[in-house]
Amino acid sequence: MGMNKNTVLAWATFIMMVVGFSLIALGAFRYDDVAGWGFASVGIGFFAIAWVFNALKGRV
């Protein structure tokens, strides 16, 4: 079973969602200072890119 373009985009979306959740969790639970806001904002950025990858499935 080979991986086509849609499968690659699905895996990329899944991995980016996991990384985004972990960055937001780090910002919320590990860092209490300004660094927590940075981790959370980067996690939200990962969600935005994962959303784009998900929207590209079937179109590329």
PDB file of N, CA and C in Angstrom:
ATOM      1  N   MET A   1       0.849  -1.185   0.000  1.00  0.00           N
ATOM      2  CA  MET A   1       0.000   0.000   0.000  1.00  0.00           C
ATOM      3  C   MET A   1       0.888   1.239   0.000  1.00  0.00           C
ATOM      4  N   GLY A   2       0.814   1.999  -1.065  1.00  0.00           N
ATOM      5  CA  GLY A   2       1.608   3.215  -1.164  1.00  0.00           C
ATOM      6  C   GLY A   2       0.868   4.416  -0.597  1.00  0.00           C
ATOM      7  N   MET A   3       1.643   5.429  -0.343  1.00  0.00           N
ATOM      8  CA  MET A   3       1.037   6.653   0.167  1.00  0.00           C
ATOM      9  C   MET A   3       0.876   7.636  -0.987  1.00  0.00           C
ATOM     10  N   ASN A   4      -0.367   8.047  -1.243  1.00  0.00           N
ATOM     11  CA  ASN A   4      -0.593   9.057  -2.257  1.00  0.00           C
ATOM     12  C   ASN A   4      -0.580  10.445  -1.616  1.00  0.00           C
ATOM     13  N   LYS A   5      -0.884  11.454  -2.431  1.00  0.00           N
ATOM     14  CA  LYS A   5      -0.801  12.833  -1.935  1.00  0.00           C
ATOM     15  C   LYS A   5      -1.795  13.096  -0.804  1.00  0.00           C
ATOM     16  N   ASN A   6      -2.990  12.533  -0.903  1.00  0.00           N
ATOM     17  CA  ASN A   6      -3.991  12.765   0.140  1.00  0.00           C
ATOM     18  C   ASN A   6      -3.590  12.108   1.454  1.00  0.00           C
ATOM     19  N   THR A   7      -2.966  10.942   1.388  1.00  0.00           N
ATOM     20  CA  THR A   7      -2.518  10.274   2.607  1.00  0.00           C
ATOM     21  C   THR A   7      -1.404  11.050   3.278  1.00  0.00           C
ATOM     22  N   VAL A   8      -0.495  11.583   2.480  1.00  0.00           N
ATOM     23  CA  VAL A   8       0.595  12.397   3.044  1.00  0.00           C
ATOM     24  C   VAL A   8       0.026  13.640   3.713  1.00  0.00           C
ATOM     25  N   LEU A   9      -0.923  14.301   3.066  1.00  0.00           N
ATOM     26  CA  LEU A   9      -1.531  15.496   3.671  1.00  0.00           C
ATOM     27  C   LEU A   9      -2.310  15.143   4.933  1.00  0.00           C
ATOM     28  N   ALA A  10      -2.956  13.987   4.949  1.00  0.00           N
ATOM     29  CA  ALA A  10      -3.689  13.577   6.153  1.00  0.00           C
ATOM     30  C   ALA A  10      -2.734  13.332   7.307  1.00  0.00           C
ATOM     31  N   TRP A  11      -1.618  12.647   7.044  1.00  0.00           N
ATOM     32  CA  TRP A  11      -0.638  12.415   8.106  1.00  0.00           C
ATOM     33  C   TRP A  11      -0.003  13.725   8.574  1.00  0.00           C
ATOM     34  N   ALA A  12       0.287  14.623   7.641  1.00  0.00           N
ATOM     35  CA  ALA A  12       0.858  15.922   8.023  1.00  0.00           C
ATOM     36  C   ALA A  12      -0.120  16.708   8.887  1.00  0.00           C
ATOM     37  N   THR A  13      -1.409  16.657   8.534  1.00  0.00           N
ATOM     38  CA  THR A  13      -2.421  17.345   9.334  1.00  0.00           C
ATOM     39  C   THR A  13      -2.490  16.755  10.731  1.00  0.00           C
ATOM     40  N   PHE A  14      -2.478  15.426  10.826  1.00  0.00           N
ATOM     41  CA  PHE A  14      -2.554  14.773  12.130  1.00  0.00           C
ATOM     42  C   PHE A  14      -1.339  15.115  12.992  1.00  0.00           C
ATOM     43  N   ILE A  15      -0.149  15.055  12.415  1.00  0.00           N
ATOM     44  CA  ILE A  15       1.070  15.354  13.180  1.00  0.00           C
ATOM     45  C   ILE A  15       1.079  16.811  13.627  1.00  0.00           C
ATOM     46  N   MET A  16       0.647  17.716  12.750  1.00  0.00           N
ATOM     47  CA  MET A  16       0.635  19.132  13.130  1.00  0.00           C
ATOM     48  C   MET A  16      -0.407  19.415  14.200  1.00  0.00           C
ATOM     49  N   MET A  17      -1.518  18.695  14.202  1.00  0.00           N
ATOM     50  CA  MET A  17      -2.498  18.867  15.276  1.00  0.00           C
ATOM     51  C   MET A  17      -1.934  18.388  16.605  1.00  0.00           C
ATOM     52  N   VAL A  18      -1.219  17.265  16.591  1.00  0.00           N
ATOM     53  CA  VAL A  18      -0.615  16.751  17.829  1.00  0.00           C
ATOM     54  C   VAL A  18       0.427  17.736  18.359  1.00  0.00           C
ATOM     55  N   VAL A  19       1.259  18.264  17.472  1.00  0.00           N
ATOM     56  CA  VAL A  19       2.273  19.233  17.902  1.00  0.00           C
ATOM     57  C   VAL A  19       1.608  20.519  18.404  1.00  0.00           C
ATOM     58  N   GLY A  20       0.537  20.946  17.724  1.00  0.00           N
ATOM     59  CA  GLY A  20      -0.170  22.150  18.172  1.00  0.00           C
ATOM     60  C   GLY A  20      -0.782  21.976  19.549  1.00  0.00           C
ATOM     61  N   PHE A  21      -1.427  20.808  19.778  1.00  0.00           N
ATOM     62  CA  PHE A  21      -1.982  20.547  21.107  1.00  0.00           C
ATOM     63  C   PHE A  21      -0.895  20.513  22.169  1.00  0.00           C
ATOM     64  N   SER A  22       0.241  19.897  21.841  1.00  0.00           N
ATOM     65  CA  SER A  22       1.312  19.806  22.839  1.00  0.00           C
ATOM     66  C   SER A  22       1.922  21.177  23.132  1.00  0.00           C
ATOM     67  N   LEU A  23       2.047  22.029  22.127  1.00  0.00           N
ATOM     68  CA  LEU A  23       2.575  23.368  22.372  1.00  0.00           C
ATOM     69  C   LEU A  23       1.611  24.195  23.212  1.00  0.00           C
ATOM     70  N   ILE A  24       0.322  24.086  22.941  1.00  0.00           N
ATOM     71  CA  ILE A  24      -0.653  24.822  23.752  1.00  0.00           C
ATOM     72  C   ILE A  24      -0.651  24.292  25.182  1.00  0.00           C
ATOM     73  N   ALA A  25      -0.523  22.970  25.341  1.00  0.00           N
ATOM     74  CA  ALA A  25      -0.459  22.396  26.684  1.00  0.00           C
ATOM     75  C   ALA A  25       0.799  22.857  27.415  1.00  0.00           C
ATOM     76  N   LEU A  26       1.918  22.919  26.710  1.00  0.00           N
ATOM     77  CA  LEU A  26       3.134  23.441  27.338  1.00  0.00           C
ATOM     78  C   LEU A  26       2.937  24.879  27.788  1.00  0.00           C
ATOM     79  N   GLY A  27       2.340  25.692  26.932  1.00  0.00           N
ATOM     80  CA  GLY A  27       2.110  27.088  27.288  1.00  0.00           C
ATOM     81  C   GLY A  27       1.141  27.241  28.443  1.00  0.00           C
ATOM     82  N   ALA A  28       0.171  26.349  28.537  1.00  0.00           N
ATOM     83  CA  ALA A  28      -0.845  26.484  29.584  1.00  0.00           C
ATOM     84  C   ALA A  28      -0.387  25.912  30.922  1.00  0.00           C
ATOM     85  N   PHE A  29       0.327  24.783  30.879  1.00  0.00           N
ATOM     86  CA  PHE A  29       0.607  24.075  32.126  1.00  0.00           C
ATOM     87  C   PHE A  29       2.063  24.143  32.584  1.00  0.00           C
ATOM     88  N   ARG A  30       2.999  24.372  31.680  1.00  0.00           N
ATOM     89  CA  ARG A  30       4.409  24.313  32.069  1.00  0.00           C
ATOM     90  C   ARG A  30       4.985  25.692  32.355  1.00  0.00           C
ATOM     91  N   TYR A  31       4.710  26.653  31.476  1.00  0.00           N
ATOM     92  CA  TYR A  31       5.303  27.979  31.599  1.00  0.00           C
ATOM     93  C   TYR A  31       4.256  28.974  32.070  1.00  0.00           C
ATOM     94  N   ASP A  32       4.557  29.650  33.150  1.00  0.00           N
ATOM     95  CA  ASP A  32       3.604  30.597  33.732  1.00  0.00           C
ATOM     96  C   ASP A  32       3.908  32.045  33.363  1.00  0.00           C
ATOM     97  N   ASP A  33       5.022  32.279  32.679  1.00  0.00           N
ATOM     98  CA  ASP A  33       5.393  33.653  32.354  1.00  0.00           C
ATOM     99  C   ASP A  33       5.062  33.948  30.893  1.00  0.00           C
ATOM    100  N   VAL A  34       5.749  34.906  30.319  1.00  0.00           N
ATOM    101  CA  VAL A  34       5.464  35.343  28.956  1.00  0.00           C
ATOM    102  C   VAL A  34       5.743  34.232  27.945  1.00  0.00           C
ATOM    103  N   ALA A  35       6.650  33.313  28.252  1.00  0.00           N
ATOM    104  CA  ALA A  35       6.969  32.225  27.325  1.00  0.00           C
ATOM    105  C   ALA A  35       5.745  31.356  27.065  1.00  0.00           C
ATOM    106  N   GLY A  36       4.849  31.230  28.032  1.00  0.00           N
ATOM    107  CA  GLY A  36       3.630  30.452  27.838  1.00  0.00           C
ATOM    108  C   GLY A  36       2.763  31.017  26.735  1.00  0.00           C
ATOM    109  N   TRP A  37       2.681  32.358  26.664  1.00  0.00           N
ATOM    110  CA  TRP A  37       1.912  32.980  25.587  1.00  0.00           C
ATOM    111  C   TRP A  37       2.556  32.688  24.237  1.00  0.00           C
ATOM    112  N   GLY A  38       3.872  32.659  24.181  1.00  0.00           N
ATOM    113  CA  GLY A  38       4.560  32.345  22.932  1.00  0.00           C
ATOM    114  C   GLY A  38       4.296  30.922  22.484  1.00  0.00           C
ATOM    115  N   PHE A  39       4.383  29.972  23.421  1.00  0.00           N
ATOM    116  CA  PHE A  39       4.102  28.577  23.076  1.00  0.00           C
ATOM    117  C   PHE A  39       2.668  28.416  22.581  1.00  0.00           C
ATOM    118  N   ALA A  40       1.736  29.068  23.253  1.00  0.00           N
ATOM    119  CA  ALA A  40       0.328  28.944  22.864  1.00  0.00           C
ATOM    120  C   ALA A  40       0.074  29.559  21.492  1.00  0.00           C
ATOM    121  N   SER A  41       0.688  30.698  21.214  1.00  0.00           N
ATOM    122  CA  SER A  41       0.466  31.326  19.904  1.00  0.00           C
ATOM    123  C   SER A  41       1.091  30.504  18.782  1.00  0.00           C
ATOM    124  N   VAL A  42       2.242  29.889  19.023  1.00  0.00           N
ATOM    125  CA  VAL A  42       2.834  29.018  18.007  1.00  0.00           C
ATOM    126  C   VAL A  42       1.956  27.779  17.809  1.00  0.00           C
ATOM    127  N   GLY A  43       1.363  27.260  18.883  1.00  0.00           N
ATOM    128  CA  GLY A  43       0.442  26.133  18.759  1.00  0.00           C
ATOM    129  C   GLY A  43      -0.769  26.479  17.917  1.00  0.00           C
ATOM    130  N   ILE A  44      -1.295  27.690  18.075  1.00  0.00           N
ATOM    131  CA  ILE A  44      -2.422  28.135  17.255  1.00  0.00           C
ATOM    132  C   ILE A  44      -1.984  28.281  15.801  1.00  0.00           C
ATOM    133  N   GLY A  45      -0.763  28.703  15.581  1.00  0.00           N
ATOM    134  CA  GLY A  45      -0.228  28.766  14.222  1.00  0.00           C
ATOM    135  C   GLY A  45      -0.138  27.385  13.582  1.00  0.00           C
ATOM    136  N   PHE A  46       0.238  26.378  14.369  1.00  0.00           N
ATOM    137  CA  PHE A  46       0.262  25.010  13.862  1.00  0.00           C
ATOM    138  C   PHE A  46      -1.141  24.561  13.475  1.00  0.00           C
ATOM    139  N   PHE A  47      -2.145  24.957  14.260  1.00  0.00           N
ATOM    140  CA  PHE A  47      -3.527  24.631  13.899  1.00  0.00           C
ATOM    141  C   PHE A  47      -3.913  25.267  12.569  1.00  0.00           C
ATOM    142  N   ALA A  48      -3.491  26.515  12.345  1.00  0.00           N
ATOM    143  CA  ALA A  48      -3.828  27.200  11.100  1.00  0.00           C
ATOM    144  C   ALA A  48      -3.200  26.495   9.904  1.00  0.00           C
ATOM    145  N   ILE A  49      -1.949  26.079  10.027  1.00  0.00           N
ATOM    146  CA  ILE A  49      -1.292  25.387   8.921  1.00  0.00           C
ATOM    147  C   ILE A  49      -1.917  24.011   8.707  1.00  0.00           C
ATOM    148  N   ALA A  50      -2.290  23.332   9.794  1.00  0.00           N
ATOM    149  CA  ALA A  50      -2.955  22.036   9.653  1.00  0.00           C
ATOM    150  C   ALA A  50      -4.305  22.194   8.970  1.00  0.00           C
ATOM    151  N   TRP A  51      -4.988  23.292   9.229  1.00  0.00           N
ATOM    152  CA  TRP A  51      -6.269  23.559   8.575  1.00  0.00           C
ATOM    153  C   TRP A  51      -6.074  23.724   7.068  1.00  0.00           C
ATOM    154  N   VAL A  52      -5.004  24.413   6.676  1.00  0.00           N
ATOM    155  CA  VAL A  52      -4.698  24.568   5.253  1.00  0.00           C
ATOM    156  C   VAL A  52      -4.383  23.219   4.626  1.00  0.00           C
ATOM    157  N   PHE A  53      -3.583  22.396   5.311  1.00  0.00           N
ATOM    158  CA  PHE A  53      -3.269  21.058   4.783  1.00  0.00           C
ATOM    159  C   PHE A  53      -4.544  20.238   4.608  1.00  0.00           C
ATOM    160  N   ASN A  54      -5.439  20.334   5.575  1.00  0.00           N
ATOM    161  CA  ASN A  54      -6.689  19.594   5.484  1.00  0.00           C
ATOM    162  C   ASN A  54      -7.546  20.097   4.318  1.00  0.00           C
ATOM    163  N   ALA A  55      -7.520  21.392   4.069  1.00  0.00           N
ATOM    164  CA  ALA A  55      -8.290  21.946   2.965  1.00  0.00           C
ATOM    165  C   ALA A  55      -7.694  21.554   1.606  1.00  0.00           C
ATOM    166  N   LEU A  56      -6.417  21.258   1.566  1.00  0.00           N
ATOM    167  CA  LEU A  56      -5.765  20.880   0.313  1.00  0.00           C
ATOM    168  C   LEU A  56      -6.024  19.440  -0.083  1.00  0.00           C
ATOM    169  N   LYS A  57      -6.500  18.618   0.860  1.00  0.00           N
ATOM    170  CA  LYS A  57      -6.736  17.214   0.525  1.00  0.00           C
ATOM    171  C   LYS A  57      -7.770  17.116  -0.593  1.00  0.00           C
ATOM    172  N   GLY A  58      -7.457  16.351  -1.624  1.00  0.00           N
ATOM    173  CA  GLY A  58      -8.362  16.176  -2.743  1.00  0.00           C
ATOM    174  C   GLY A  58      -8.225  17.221  -3.825  1.00  0.00           C
ATOM    175  N   ARG A  59      -7.501  18.287  -3.583  1.00  0.00           N
ATOM    176  CA  ARG A  59      -7.350  19.357  -4.562  1.00  0.00           C
ATOM    177  C   ARG A  59      -5.967  19.365  -5.198  1.00  0.00           C
ATOM    178  N   VAL A  60      -5.005  18.734  -4.569  1.00  0.00           N
ATOM    179  CA  VAL A  60      -3.631  18.767  -5.074  1.00  0.00           C
ATOM    180  C   VAL A  60      -3.422  17.588  -5.993  1.00  0.00           C
TER     181      VAL A  60
END
